[in-house]
């Protein structure tokens, strides 16, 4: 993949005159995602779940590790939100995960 170069001229003020030929170049390379089979499977489950997503407990029951699920969230492929549910008289907190648009694109690619 070809890196994208962004050039920003240095603008100095005060004691130093502006030097139009001086610049800093920042090279940004798009990161290609290589999904493991487990990551792909987790994203496929989340994609099939629709807008409600899946609970963390359900995903753990499928055999996914907390670290792998956290990596999906960290990489922007999924989101995780805490939700309070009432079970009888008790309130419990659950984590609900959903796939992001980036996660859907990663499945396509």
C-alpha atoms as a PDB file:
ATOM      1  CA  UNK A   1       0.000   0.000   0.000  1.00  0.00           C
ATOM      2  CA  UNK A   2       1.298   3.465  -0.880  1.00  0.00           C
ATOM      3  CA  UNK A   3       1.826   5.795   2.094  1.00  0.00           C
ATOM      4  CA  UNK A   4       0.032   9.130   2.103  1.00  0.00           C
ATOM      5  CA  UNK A   5       2.302  12.129   2.723  1.00  0.00           C
ATOM      6  CA  UNK A   6       0.927  15.215   4.406  1.00  0.00           C
ATOM      7  CA  UNK A   7       3.130  18.313   4.346  1.00  0.00           C
ATOM      8  CA  UNK A   8       2.583  21.162   6.778  1.00  0.00           C
ATOM      9  CA  UNK A   9       4.701  24.345   6.338  1.00  0.00           C
ATOM     10  CA  UNK A  10       6.332  25.579   9.511  1.00  0.00           C
ATOM     11  CA  UNK A  11       5.018  28.998  10.431  1.00  0.00           C
ATOM     12  CA  UNK A  12       7.168  30.795  12.953  1.00  0.00           C
ATOM     13  CA  UNK A  13       6.438  34.134  14.484  1.00  0.00           C
ATOM     14  CA  UNK A  14       8.130  36.553  16.813  1.00  0.00           C
ATOM     15  CA  UNK A  15      11.940  36.483  16.691  1.00  0.00           C
ATOM     16  CA  UNK A  16      12.158  34.022  13.816  1.00  0.00           C
ATOM     17  CA  UNK A  17      11.098  34.963  10.290  1.00  0.00           C
ATOM     18  CA  UNK A  18       8.796  32.612   8.403  1.00  0.00           C
ATOM     19  CA  UNK A  19      10.720  30.216   6.169  1.00  0.00           C
ATOM     20  CA  UNK A  20       8.386  29.087   3.391  1.00  0.00           C
ATOM     21  CA  UNK A  21      10.713  26.300   2.182  1.00  0.00           C
ATOM     22  CA  UNK A  22      10.951  24.667   5.615  1.00  0.00           C
ATOM     23  CA  UNK A  23       8.355  21.967   6.277  1.00  0.00           C
ATOM     24  CA  UNK A  24       7.657  18.826   8.255  1.00  0.00           C
ATOM     25  CA  UNK A  25       6.389  15.749   6.456  1.00  0.00           C
ATOM     26  CA  UNK A  26       4.162  13.261   8.236  1.00  0.00           C
ATOM     27  CA  UNK A  27       3.685   9.916   6.541  1.00  0.00           C
ATOM     28  CA  UNK A  28       0.450   8.125   7.320  1.00  0.00           C
ATOM     29  CA  UNK A  29       0.077   4.512   6.253  1.00  0.00           C
ATOM     30  CA  UNK A  30      -3.342   2.915   6.364  1.00  0.00           C
ATOM     31  CA  UNK A  31      -3.231  -0.117   8.604  1.00  0.00           C
ATOM     32  CA  UNK A  32      -4.415  -3.272   6.940  1.00  0.00           C
ATOM     33  CA  UNK A  33      -6.466  -5.422   9.247  1.00  0.00           C
ATOM     34  CA  UNK A  34      -5.701  -9.107   9.231  1.00  0.00           C
ATOM     35  CA  UNK A  35      -8.455 -10.810  11.156  1.00  0.00           C
ATOM     36  CA  UNK A  36      -7.869 -14.130  12.824  1.00  0.00           C
ATOM     37  CA  UNK A  37     -10.488 -16.830  12.297  1.00  0.00           C
ATOM     38  CA  UNK A  38     -11.845 -16.189  15.827  1.00  0.00           C
ATOM     39  CA  UNK A  39     -12.038 -12.425  15.270  1.00  0.00           C
ATOM     40  CA  UNK A  40     -13.842 -12.959  11.957  1.00  0.00           C
ATOM     41  CA  UNK A  41     -16.267 -15.390  13.625  1.00  0.00           C
ATOM     42  CA  UNK A  42     -16.992 -12.921  16.447  1.00  0.00           C
ATOM     43  CA  UNK A  43     -17.642 -10.121  13.937  1.00  0.00           C
ATOM     44  CA  UNK A  44     -19.911 -12.404  11.900  1.00  0.00           C
ATOM     45  CA  UNK A  45     -21.946 -13.159  15.043  1.00  0.00           C
ATOM     46  CA  UNK A  46     -22.174  -9.443  15.836  1.00  0.00           C
ATOM     47  CA  UNK A  47     -23.154  -8.628  12.242  1.00  0.00           C
ATOM     48  CA  UNK A  48     -25.936 -11.225  12.325  1.00  0.00           C
ATOM     49  CA  UNK A  49     -27.179  -9.860  15.669  1.00  0.00           C
ATOM     50  CA  UNK A  50     -28.457  -6.626  14.149  1.00  0.00           C
ATOM     51  CA  UNK A  51     -28.921  -3.417  16.108  1.00  0.00           C
ATOM     52  CA  UNK A  52     -29.300  -5.120  19.499  1.00  0.00           C
ATOM     53  CA  UNK A  53     -25.898  -6.759  19.309  1.00  0.00           C
ATOM     54  CA  UNK A  54     -24.903  -9.568  21.662  1.00  0.00           C
ATOM     55  CA  UNK A  55     -24.119  -9.636  25.350  1.00  0.00           C
ATOM     56  CA  UNK A  56     -20.583 -10.212  26.504  1.00  0.00           C
ATOM     57  CA  UNK A  57     -21.737 -13.347  28.322  1.00  0.00           C
ATOM     58  CA  UNK A  58     -23.116 -14.805  25.074  1.00  0.00           C
ATOM     59  CA  UNK A  59     -19.836 -14.122  23.285  1.00  0.00           C
ATOM     60  CA  UNK A  60     -17.836 -15.628  26.148  1.00  0.00           C
ATOM     61  CA  UNK A  61     -20.080 -18.712  25.955  1.00  0.00           C
ATOM     62  CA  UNK A  62     -19.019 -19.053  22.294  1.00  0.00           C
ATOM     63  CA  UNK A  63     -15.443 -19.372  23.545  1.00  0.00           C
ATOM     64  CA  UNK A  64     -14.146 -15.882  22.783  1.00  0.00           C
ATOM     65  CA  UNK A  65     -11.676 -14.433  25.291  1.00  0.00           C
ATOM     66  CA  UNK A  66     -12.178 -11.093  27.009  1.00  0.00           C
ATOM     67  CA  UNK A  67      -8.829  -9.919  25.572  1.00  0.00           C
ATOM     68  CA  UNK A  68      -9.841 -10.736  21.999  1.00  0.00           C
ATOM     69  CA  UNK A  69     -13.190  -8.953  22.411  1.00  0.00           C
ATOM     70  CA  UNK A  70     -11.409  -5.953  23.944  1.00  0.00           C
ATOM     71  CA  UNK A  71      -9.043  -5.883  20.946  1.00  0.00           C
ATOM     72  CA  UNK A  72     -12.033  -5.684  18.578  1.00  0.00           C
ATOM     73  CA  UNK A  73     -13.303  -2.672  20.524  1.00  0.00           C
ATOM     74  CA  UNK A  74      -9.841  -1.073  20.704  1.00  0.00           C
ATOM     75  CA  UNK A  75      -9.375  -1.495  16.938  1.00  0.00           C
ATOM     76  CA  UNK A  76     -12.755   0.158  16.283  1.00  0.00           C
ATOM     77  CA  UNK A  77     -14.346  -2.981  14.836  1.00  0.00           C
ATOM     78  CA  UNK A  78     -16.935  -3.298  17.610  1.00  0.00           C
ATOM     79  CA  UNK A  79     -18.404  -1.243  20.426  1.00  0.00           C
ATOM     80  CA  UNK A  80     -19.172  -2.321  23.972  1.00  0.00           C
ATOM     81  CA  UNK A  81     -21.674  -0.586  26.238  1.00  0.00           C
ATOM     82  CA  UNK A  82     -22.638  -1.312  29.804  1.00  0.00           C
ATOM     83  CA  UNK A  83     -26.342  -1.820  30.299  1.00  0.00           C
ATOM     84  CA  UNK A  84     -28.437  -2.382  33.413  1.00  0.00           C
ATOM     85  CA  UNK A  85     -31.072  -5.101  33.247  1.00  0.00           C
ATOM     86  CA  UNK A  86     -33.692  -6.097  35.774  1.00  0.00           C
ATOM     87  CA  UNK A  87     -33.951  -9.799  36.548  1.00  0.00           C
ATOM     88  CA  UNK A  88     -36.861 -10.206  38.926  1.00  0.00           C
ATOM     89  CA  UNK A  89     -36.113  -7.747  41.730  1.00  0.00           C
ATOM     90  CA  UNK A  90     -32.409  -7.612  41.048  1.00  0.00           C
ATOM     91  CA  UNK A  91     -30.618  -5.231  38.738  1.00  0.00           C
ATOM     92  CA  UNK A  92     -27.548  -6.573  36.989  1.00  0.00           C
ATOM     93  CA  UNK A  93     -25.005  -4.929  34.720  1.00  0.00           C
ATOM     94  CA  UNK A  94     -24.189  -6.524  31.383  1.00  0.00           C
ATOM     95  CA  UNK A  95     -21.944  -5.575  28.490  1.00  0.00           C
ATOM     96  CA  UNK A  96     -23.594  -5.413  25.082  1.00  0.00           C
ATOM     97  CA  UNK A  97     -21.407  -5.491  21.973  1.00  0.00           C
ATOM     98  CA  UNK A  98     -22.258  -4.322  18.474  1.00  0.00           C
ATOM     99  CA  UNK A  99     -20.331  -4.350  15.216  1.00  0.00           C
ATOM    100  CA  UNK A 100     -19.235  -0.995  13.762  1.00  0.00           C
ATOM    101  CA  UNK A 101     -19.141   0.082  10.126  1.00  0.00           C
ATOM    102  CA  UNK A 102     -15.378  -0.517  10.208  1.00  0.00           C
ATOM    103  CA  UNK A 103     -16.061  -4.050  11.444  1.00  0.00           C
ATOM    104  CA  UNK A 104     -18.449  -4.634   8.546  1.00  0.00           C
ATOM    105  CA  UNK A 105     -15.831  -3.354   6.090  1.00  0.00           C
ATOM    106  CA  UNK A 106     -13.210  -5.636   7.643  1.00  0.00           C
ATOM    107  CA  UNK A 107     -15.525  -8.616   7.036  1.00  0.00           C
ATOM    108  CA  UNK A 108     -15.959  -7.609   3.399  1.00  0.00           C
ATOM    109  CA  UNK A 109     -12.214  -7.248   2.798  1.00  0.00           C
END
